[in-house]
Amino acid sequence: MAYETLTIAIAALAATGIVTLAALRGWQGWLALKLREIDRLARPAREYRRDPHDDTDVPPAARIELADLKERVRQLEAIAAGVDL
């Protein structure tokens, strides 16, 4: 009777360890995936920072975003100055 309880306890402990290791492995894989995504997204930004005055290598999406930000700043400056647009 005591050996059966001990066997069940050891089996439960082993199963818990296996599940924990599998979950840890999955978590590490997910973190590695997110790290690769961040690197992939950050890489173009690093590549296009060679010369701040050279606009030949800037992707169109970055130009559109920059123009949008400039427009927002212009609107905020107009609001601060009390001018209606």
PDB file of N, CA and C in Angstrom:
ATOM      1  N   MET A   1       0.818  -1.197   0.000  1.00  0.00           N
ATOM      2  CA  MET A   1       0.000   0.000   0.000  1.00  0.00           C
ATOM      3  C   MET A   1       0.862   1.262   0.000  1.00  0.00           C
ATOM      4  N   ALA A   2       1.906   1.272   0.809  1.00  0.00           N
ATOM      5  CA  ALA A   2       2.776   2.444   0.884  1.00  0.00           C
ATOM      6  C   ALA A   2       3.561   2.606  -0.409  1.00  0.00           C
ATOM      7  N   TYR A   3       3.934   1.472  -1.027  1.00  0.00           N
ATOM      8  CA  TYR A   3       4.679   1.549  -2.282  1.00  0.00           C
ATOM      9  C   TYR A   3       3.802   2.070  -3.428  1.00  0.00           C
ATOM     10  N   GLU A   4       2.531   1.722  -3.408  1.00  0.00           N
ATOM     11  CA  GLU A   4       1.610   2.212  -4.439  1.00  0.00           C
ATOM     12  C   GLU A   4       1.462   3.736  -4.322  1.00  0.00           C
ATOM     13  N   THR A   5       1.317   4.239  -3.125  1.00  0.00           N
ATOM     14  CA  THR A   5       1.184   5.684  -2.909  1.00  0.00           C
ATOM     15  C   THR A   5       2.476   6.401  -3.302  1.00  0.00           C
ATOM     16  N   LEU A   6       3.605   5.788  -2.933  1.00  0.00           N
ATOM     17  CA  LEU A   6       4.890   6.374  -3.286  1.00  0.00           C
ATOM     18  C   LEU A   6       5.087   6.383  -4.804  1.00  0.00           C
ATOM     19  N   THR A   7       4.680   5.306  -5.468  1.00  0.00           N
ATOM     20  CA  THR A   7       4.798   5.227  -6.930  1.00  0.00           C
ATOM     21  C   THR A   7       3.926   6.280  -7.606  1.00  0.00           C
ATOM     22  N   ILE A   8       2.711   6.445  -7.110  1.00  0.00           N
ATOM     23  CA  ILE A   8       1.808   7.450  -7.679  1.00  0.00           C
ATOM     24  C   ILE A   8       2.376   8.859  -7.455  1.00  0.00           C
ATOM     25  N   ALA A   9       2.934   9.098  -6.281  1.00  0.00           N
ATOM     26  CA  ALA A   9       3.513  10.408  -5.991  1.00  0.00           C
ATOM     27  C   ALA A   9       4.709  10.691  -6.892  1.00  0.00           C
ATOM     28  N   ILE A  10       5.564   9.692  -7.086  1.00  0.00           N
ATOM     29  CA  ILE A  10       6.727   9.872  -7.960  1.00  0.00           C
ATOM     30  C   ILE A  10       6.284  10.093  -9.409  1.00  0.00           C
ATOM     31  N   ALA A  11       5.279   9.350  -9.854  1.00  0.00           N
ATOM     32  CA  ALA A  11       4.768   9.522 -11.219  1.00  0.00           C
ATOM     33  C   ALA A  11       4.156  10.911 -11.400  1.00  0.00           C
ATOM     34  N   ALA A  12       3.423  11.377 -10.406  1.00  0.00           N
ATOM     35  CA  ALA A  12       2.821  12.715 -10.471  1.00  0.00           C
ATOM     36  C   ALA A  12       3.904  13.788 -10.492  1.00  0.00           C
ATOM     37  N   LEU A  13       4.948  13.600  -9.688  1.00  0.00           N
ATOM     38  CA  LEU A  13       6.047  14.550  -9.675  1.00  0.00           C
ATOM     39  C   LEU A  13       6.783  14.566 -11.016  1.00  0.00           C
ATOM     40  N   ALA A  14       7.001  13.386 -11.583  1.00  0.00           N
ATOM     41  CA  ALA A  14       7.662  13.309 -12.893  1.00  0.00           C
ATOM     42  C   ALA A  14       6.804  13.958 -13.975  1.00  0.00           C
ATOM     43  N   ALA A  15       5.493  13.722 -13.947  1.00  0.00           N
ATOM     44  CA  ALA A  15       4.596  14.325 -14.933  1.00  0.00           C
ATOM     45  C   ALA A  15       4.589  15.847 -14.803  1.00  0.00           C
ATOM     46  N   THR A  16       4.587  16.322 -13.557  1.00  0.00           N
ATOM     47  CA  THR A  16       4.634  17.770 -13.331  1.00  0.00           C
ATOM     48  C   THR A  16       5.933  18.359 -13.871  1.00  0.00           C
ATOM     49  N   GLY A  17       7.036  17.672 -13.654  1.00  0.00           N
ATOM     50  CA  GLY A  17       8.323  18.131 -14.174  1.00  0.00           C
ATOM     51  C   GLY A  17       8.356  18.158 -15.688  1.00  0.00           C
ATOM     52  N   ILE A  18       7.813  17.131 -16.333  1.00  0.00           N
ATOM     53  CA  ILE A  18       7.788  17.079 -17.799  1.00  0.00           C
ATOM     54  C   ILE A  18       6.935  18.209 -18.362  1.00  0.00           C
ATOM     55  N   VAL A  19       5.761  18.417 -17.771  1.00  0.00           N
ATOM     56  CA  VAL A  19       4.882  19.497 -18.240  1.00  0.00           C
ATOM     57  C   VAL A  19       5.546  20.849 -18.028  1.00  0.00           C
ATOM     58  N   THR A  20       6.204  21.034 -16.903  1.00  0.00           N
ATOM     59  CA  THR A  20       6.888  22.298 -16.620  1.00  0.00           C
ATOM     60  C   THR A  20       8.022  22.555 -17.612  1.00  0.00           C
ATOM     61  N   LEU A  21       8.802  21.523 -17.899  1.00  0.00           N
ATOM     62  CA  LEU A  21       9.893  21.682 -18.868  1.00  0.00           C
ATOM     63  C   LEU A  21       9.361  21.987 -20.264  1.00  0.00           C
ATOM     64  N   ALA A  22       8.266  21.334 -20.645  1.00  0.00           N
ATOM     65  CA  ALA A  22       7.674  21.610 -21.959  1.00  0.00           C
ATOM     66  C   ALA A  22       7.152  23.045 -22.033  1.00  0.00           C
ATOM     67  N   ALA A  23       6.519  23.507 -20.962  1.00  0.00           N
ATOM     68  CA  ALA A  23       6.014  24.882 -20.938  1.00  0.00           C
ATOM     69  C   ALA A  23       7.166  25.886 -20.985  1.00  0.00           C
ATOM     70  N   LEU A  24       8.240  25.579 -20.258  1.00  0.00           N
ATOM     71  CA  LEU A  24       9.406  26.456 -20.277  1.00  0.00           C
ATOM     72  C   LEU A  24      10.025  26.511 -21.663  1.00  0.00           C
ATOM     73  N   ARG A  25      10.118  25.391 -22.317  1.00  0.00           N
ATOM     74  CA  ARG A  25      10.664  25.343 -23.684  1.00  0.00           C
ATOM     75  C   ARG A  25       9.794  26.159 -24.647  1.00  0.00           C
ATOM     76  N   GLY A  26       8.484  26.036 -24.502  1.00  0.00           N
ATOM     77  CA  GLY A  26       7.572  26.830 -25.329  1.00  0.00           C
ATOM     78  C   GLY A  26       7.701  28.317 -25.070  1.00  0.00           C
ATOM     79  N   TRP A  27       7.846  28.691 -23.800  1.00  0.00           N
ATOM     80  CA  TRP A  27       8.010  30.098 -23.439  1.00  0.00           C
ATOM     81  C   TRP A  27       9.293  30.665 -24.041  1.00  0.00           C
ATOM     82  N   GLN A  28      10.385  29.910 -23.964  1.00  0.00           N
ATOM     83  CA  GLN A  28      11.651  30.365 -24.540  1.00  0.00           C
ATOM     84  C   GLN A  28      11.542  30.503 -26.053  1.00  0.00           C
ATOM     85  N   GLY A  29      10.820  29.589 -26.689  1.00  0.00           N
ATOM     86  CA  GLY A  29      10.610  29.697 -28.128  1.00  0.00           C
ATOM     87  C   GLY A  29       9.804  30.929 -28.492  1.00  0.00           C
ATOM     88  N   TRP A  30       8.778  31.220 -27.694  1.00  0.00           N
ATOM     89  CA  TRP A  30       7.953  32.393 -27.959  1.00  0.00           C
ATOM     90  C   TRP A  30       8.769  33.672 -27.791  1.00  0.00           C
ATOM     91  N   LEU A  31       9.609  33.711 -26.741  1.00  0.00           N
ATOM     92  CA  LEU A  31      10.466  34.879 -26.539  1.00  0.00           C
ATOM     93  C   LEU A  31      11.465  35.040 -27.692  1.00  0.00           C
ATOM     94  N   ALA A  32      12.008  33.937 -28.179  1.00  0.00           N
ATOM     95  CA  ALA A  32      12.937  34.010 -29.309  1.00  0.00           C
ATOM     96  C   ALA A  32      12.222  34.532 -30.554  1.00  0.00           C
ATOM     97  N   LEU A  33      10.988  34.094 -30.763  1.00  0.00           N
ATOM     98  CA  LEU A  33      10.206  34.575 -31.906  1.00  0.00           C
ATOM     99  C   LEU A  33       9.979  36.077 -31.804  1.00  0.00           C
ATOM    100  N   LYS A  34       9.584  36.552 -30.643  1.00  0.00           N
ATOM    101  CA  LYS A  34       9.346  37.988 -30.460  1.00  0.00           C
ATOM    102  C   LYS A  34      10.641  38.788 -30.632  1.00  0.00           C
ATOM    103  N   LEU A  35      11.756  38.240 -30.171  1.00  0.00           N
ATOM    104  CA  LEU A  35      13.034  38.913 -30.345  1.00  0.00           C
ATOM    105  C   LEU A  35      13.390  39.036 -31.824  1.00  0.00           C
ATOM    106  N   ARG A  36      13.135  37.976 -32.587  1.00  0.00           N
ATOM    107  CA  ARG A  36      13.383  38.046 -34.033  1.00  0.00           C
ATOM    108  C   ARG A  36      12.475  39.065 -34.701  1.00  0.00           C
ATOM    109  N   GLU A  37      11.212  39.149 -34.265  1.00  0.00           N
ATOM    110  CA  GLU A  37      10.293  40.143 -34.833  1.00  0.00           C
ATOM    111  C   GLU A  37      10.779  41.559 -34.546  1.00  0.00           C
ATOM    112  N   ILE A  38      11.236  41.794 -33.327  1.00  0.00           N
ATOM    113  CA  ILE A  38      11.737  43.120 -32.971  1.00  0.00           C
ATOM    114  C   ILE A  38      12.978  43.453 -33.787  1.00  0.00           C
ATOM    115  N   ASP A  39      13.877  42.499 -33.944  1.00  0.00           N
ATOM    116  CA  ASP A  39      15.075  42.725 -34.753  1.00  0.00           C
ATOM    117  C   ASP A  39      14.717  43.009 -36.205  1.00  0.00           C
ATOM    118  N   ARG A  40      13.736  42.273 -36.725  1.00  0.00           N
ATOM    119  CA  ARG A  40      13.329  42.470 -38.122  1.00  0.00           C
ATOM    120  C   ARG A  40      12.724  43.854 -38.314  1.00  0.00           C
ATOM    121  N   LEU A  41      11.946  44.306 -37.338  1.00  0.00           N
ATOM    122  CA  LEU A  41      11.333  45.628 -37.449  1.00  0.00           C
ATOM    123  C   LEU A  41      12.336  46.747 -37.212  1.00  0.00           C
ATOM    124  N   ALA A  42      13.332  46.502 -36.372  1.00  0.00           N
ATOM    125  CA  ALA A  42      14.307  47.547 -36.048  1.00  0.00           C
ATOM    126  C   ALA A  42      15.416  47.623 -37.093  1.00  0.00           C
ATOM    127  N   ARG A  43      15.651  46.566 -37.829  1.00  0.00           N
ATOM    128  CA  ARG A  43      16.755  46.541 -38.790  1.00  0.00           C
ATOM    129  C   ARG A  43      16.612  47.617 -39.876  1.00  0.00           C
ATOM    130  N   PRO A  44      15.453  47.775 -40.511  1.00  0.00           N
ATOM    131  CA  PRO A  44      15.377  48.838 -41.529  1.00  0.00           C
ATOM    132  C   PRO A  44      15.619  50.224 -40.960  1.00  0.00           C
ATOM    133  N   ALA A  45      15.191  50.468 -39.744  1.00  0.00           N
ATOM    134  CA  ALA A  45      15.418  51.788 -39.150  1.00  0.00           C
ATOM    135  C   ALA A  45      16.905  52.038 -38.956  1.00  0.00           C
ATOM    136  N   ARG A  46      17.648  51.016 -38.568  1.00  0.00           N
ATOM    137  CA  ARG A  46      19.090  51.186 -38.400  1.00  0.00           C
ATOM    138  C   ARG A  46      19.766  51.371 -39.750  1.00  0.00           C
ATOM    139  N   GLU A  47      19.300  50.656 -40.761  1.00  0.00           N
ATOM    140  CA  GLU A  47      19.932  50.749 -42.077  1.00  0.00           C
ATOM    141  C   GLU A  47      19.726  52.119 -42.708  1.00  0.00           C
ATOM    142  N   TYR A  48      18.600  52.763 -42.449  1.00  0.00           N
ATOM    143  CA  TYR A  48      18.294  54.032 -43.091  1.00  0.00           C
ATOM    144  C   TYR A  48      18.818  55.233 -42.311  1.00  0.00           C
ATOM    145  N   ARG A  49      19.565  55.023 -41.257  1.00  0.00           N
ATOM    146  CA  ARG A  49      20.109  56.133 -40.479  1.00  0.00           C
ATOM    147  C   ARG A  49      21.543  56.452 -40.858  1.00  0.00           C
ATOM    148  N   ARG A  50      21.971  56.054 -42.018  1.00  0.00           N
ATOM    149  CA  ARG A  50      23.359  56.305 -42.424  1.00  0.00           C
ATOM    150  C   ARG A  50      23.638  57.796 -42.542  1.00  0.00           C
ATOM    151  N   ASP A  51      22.851  58.479 -43.342  1.00  0.00           N
ATOM    152  CA  ASP A  51      23.043  59.911 -43.564  1.00  0.00           C
ATOM    153  C   ASP A  51      21.691  60.593 -43.374  1.00  0.00           C
ATOM    154  N   PRO A  52      21.545  61.461 -42.400  1.00  0.00           N
ATOM    155  CA  PRO A  52      20.236  62.065 -42.152  1.00  0.00           C
ATOM    156  C   PRO A  52      19.760  62.984 -43.270  1.00  0.00           C
ATOM    157  N   HIS A  53      20.665  63.444 -44.131  1.00  0.00           N
ATOM    158  CA  HIS A  53      20.277  64.347 -45.220  1.00  0.00           C
ATOM    159  C   HIS A  53      20.046  63.614 -46.533  1.00  0.00           C
ATOM    160  N   ASP A  54      20.327  62.334 -46.565  1.00  0.00           N
ATOM    161  CA  ASP A  54      20.160  61.539 -47.783  1.00  0.00           C
ATOM    162  C   ASP A  54      18.814  60.834 -47.735  1.00  0.00           C
ATOM    163  N   ASP A  55      17.855  61.265 -48.572  1.00  0.00           N
ATOM    164  CA  ASP A  55      16.510  60.690 -48.580  1.00  0.00           C
ATOM    165  C   ASP A  55      16.322  59.632 -49.655  1.00  0.00           C
ATOM    166  N   THR A  56      17.379  59.224 -50.334  1.00  0.00           N
ATOM    167  CA  THR A  56      17.213  58.296 -51.445  1.00  0.00           C
ATOM    168  C   THR A  56      16.880  56.882 -50.993  1.00  0.00           C
ATOM    169  N   ASP A  57      17.342  56.476 -49.791  1.00  0.00           N
ATOM    170  CA  ASP A  57      17.111  55.118 -49.325  1.00  0.00           C
ATOM    171  C   ASP A  57      15.922  54.991 -48.384  1.00  0.00           C
ATOM    172  N   VAL A  58      15.234  56.079 -48.094  1.00  0.00           N
ATOM    173  CA  VAL A  58      14.121  56.038 -47.147  1.00  0.00           C
ATOM    174  C   VAL A  58      12.907  55.400 -47.819  1.00  0.00           C
ATOM    175  N   PRO A  59      12.287  54.408 -47.168  1.00  0.00           N
ATOM    176  CA  PRO A  59      11.110  53.774 -47.761  1.00  0.00           C
ATOM    177  C   PRO A  59       9.927  54.746 -47.795  1.00  0.00           C
ATOM    178  N   PRO A  60       9.027  54.562 -48.728  1.00  0.00           N
ATOM    179  CA  PRO A  60       7.877  55.475 -48.843  1.00  0.00           C
ATOM    180  C   PRO A  60       7.022  55.530 -47.579  1.00  0.00           C
ATOM    181  N   ALA A  61       6.885  54.415 -46.888  1.00  0.00           N
ATOM    182  CA  ALA A  61       6.065  54.413 -45.668  1.00  0.00           C
ATOM    183  C   ALA A  61       6.652  55.346 -44.618  1.00  0.00           C
ATOM    184  N   ALA A  62       7.959  55.397 -44.523  1.00  0.00           N
ATOM    185  CA  ALA A  62       8.597  56.286 -43.557  1.00  0.00           C
ATOM    186  C   ALA A  62       8.376  57.748 -43.944  1.00  0.00           C
ATOM    187  N   ARG A  63       8.415  58.036 -45.238  1.00  0.00           N
ATOM    188  CA  ARG A  63       8.171  59.416 -45.682  1.00  0.00           C
ATOM    189  C   ARG A  63       6.743  59.846 -45.382  1.00  0.00           C
ATOM    190  N   ILE A  64       5.795  58.928 -45.604  1.00  0.00           N
ATOM    191  CA  ILE A  64       4.385  59.240 -45.333  1.00  0.00           C
ATOM    192  C   ILE A  64       4.189  59.475 -43.846  1.00  0.00           C
ATOM    193  N   GLU A  65       4.795  58.637 -43.028  1.00  0.00           N
ATOM    194  CA  GLU A  65       4.658  58.795 -41.581  1.00  0.00           C
ATOM    195  C   GLU A  65       5.295  60.102 -41.119  1.00  0.00           C
ATOM    196  N   LEU A  66       6.433  60.448 -41.668  1.00  0.00           N
ATOM    197  CA  LEU A  66       7.098  61.693 -41.305  1.00  0.00           C
ATOM    198  C   LEU A  66       6.258  62.900 -41.713  1.00  0.00           C
ATOM    199  N   ALA A  67       5.670  62.845 -42.902  1.00  0.00           N
ATOM    200  CA  ALA A  67       4.807  63.939 -43.351  1.00  0.00           C
ATOM    201  C   ALA A  67       3.581  64.069 -42.454  1.00  0.00           C
ATOM    202  N   ASP A  68       3.032  62.933 -42.031  1.00  0.00           N
ATOM    203  CA  ASP A  68       1.882  62.955 -41.134  1.00  0.00           C
ATOM    204  C   ASP A  68       2.254  63.576 -39.791  1.00  0.00           C
ATOM    205  N   LEU A  69       3.412  63.212 -39.272  1.00  0.00           N
ATOM    206  CA  LEU A  69       3.853  63.785 -38.004  1.00  0.00           C
ATOM    207  C   LEU A  69       4.098  65.290 -38.122  1.00  0.00           C
ATOM    208  N   LYS A  70       4.677  65.716 -39.244  1.00  0.00           N
ATOM    209  CA  LYS A  70       4.902  67.155 -39.445  1.00  0.00           C
ATOM    210  C   LYS A  70       3.576  67.905 -39.504  1.00  0.00           C
ATOM    211  N   GLU A  71       2.569  67.301 -40.146  1.00  0.00           N
ATOM    212  CA  GLU A  71       1.252  67.927 -40.235  1.00  0.00           C
ATOM    213  C   GLU A  71       0.622  68.033 -38.845  1.00  0.00           C
ATOM    214  N   ARG A  72       0.763  67.000 -38.050  1.00  0.00           N
ATOM    215  CA  ARG A  72       0.211  67.038 -36.689  1.00  0.00           C
ATOM    216  C   ARG A  72       0.886  68.121 -35.856  1.00  0.00           C
ATOM    217  N   VAL A  73       2.205  68.235 -35.991  1.00  0.00           N
ATOM    218  CA  VAL A  73       2.934  69.276 -35.243  1.00  0.00           C
ATOM    219  C   VAL A  73       2.467  70.645 -35.700  1.00  0.00           C
ATOM    220  N   ARG A  74       2.273  70.827 -37.000  1.00  0.00           N
ATOM    221  CA  ARG A  74       1.811  72.114 -37.520  1.00  0.00           C
ATOM    222  C   ARG A  74       0.434  72.457 -36.959  1.00  0.00           C
ATOM    223  N   GLN A  75      -0.454  71.454 -36.902  1.00  0.00           N
ATOM    224  CA  GLN A  75      -1.788  71.689 -36.358  1.00  0.00           C
ATOM    225  C   GLN A  75      -1.737  72.027 -34.875  1.00  0.00           C
ATOM    226  N   LEU A  76      -0.879  71.331 -34.125  1.00  0.00           N
ATOM    227  CA  LEU A  76      -0.756  71.629 -32.694  1.00  0.00           C
ATOM    228  C   LEU A  76      -0.172  73.015 -32.461  1.00  0.00           C
ATOM    229  N   GLU A  77       0.770  73.428 -33.292  1.00  0.00           N
ATOM    230  CA  GLU A  77       1.324  74.770 -33.165  1.00  0.00           C
ATOM    231  C   GLU A  77       0.264  75.820 -33.476  1.00  0.00           C
ATOM    232  N   ALA A  78      -0.584  75.537 -34.462  1.00  0.00           N
ATOM    233  CA  ALA A  78      -1.651  76.475 -34.792  1.00  0.00           C
ATOM    234  C   ALA A  78      -2.668  76.571 -33.653  1.00  0.00           C
ATOM    235  N   ILE A  79      -2.982  75.435 -33.037  1.00  0.00           N
ATOM    236  CA  ILE A  79      -3.895  75.453 -31.907  1.00  0.00           C
ATOM    237  C   ILE A  79      -3.290  76.236 -30.752  1.00  0.00           C
ATOM    238  N   ALA A  80      -1.995  76.031 -30.502  1.00  0.00           N
ATOM    239  CA  ALA A  80      -1.326  76.744 -29.414  1.00  0.00           C
ATOM    240  C   ALA A  80      -1.284  78.247 -29.673  1.00  0.00           C
ATOM    241  N   ALA A  81      -1.172  78.620 -30.944  1.00  0.00           N
ATOM    242  CA  ALA A  81      -1.130  80.040 -31.285  1.00  0.00           C
ATOM    243  C   ALA A  81      -2.532  80.653 -31.350  1.00  0.00           C
ATOM    244  N   GLY A  82      -3.558  79.827 -31.283  1.00  0.00           N
ATOM    245  CA  GLY A  82      -4.918  80.336 -31.318  1.00  0.00           C
ATOM    246  C   GLY A  82      -5.449  80.577 -32.711  1.00  0.00           C
ATOM    247  N   VAL A  83      -4.893  79.940 -33.702  1.00  0.00           N
ATOM    248  CA  VAL A  83      -5.304  80.129 -35.099  1.00  0.00           C
ATOM    249  C   VAL A  83      -6.245  78.994 -35.478  1.00  0.00           C
ATOM    250  N   ASP A  84      -7.373  79.336 -36.117  1.00  0.00           N
ATOM    251  CA  ASP A  84      -8.278  78.302 -36.625  1.00  0.00           C
ATOM    252  C   ASP A  84      -7.800  77.802 -37.959  1.00  0.00           C
ATOM    253  N   LEU A  85      -7.849  76.483 -38.137  1.00  0.00           N
ATOM    254  CA  LEU A  85      -7.428  75.922 -39.420  1.00  0.00           C
ATOM    255  C   LEU A  85      -8.619  75.705 -40.308  1.00  0.00           C
TER     256      LEU A  85
END
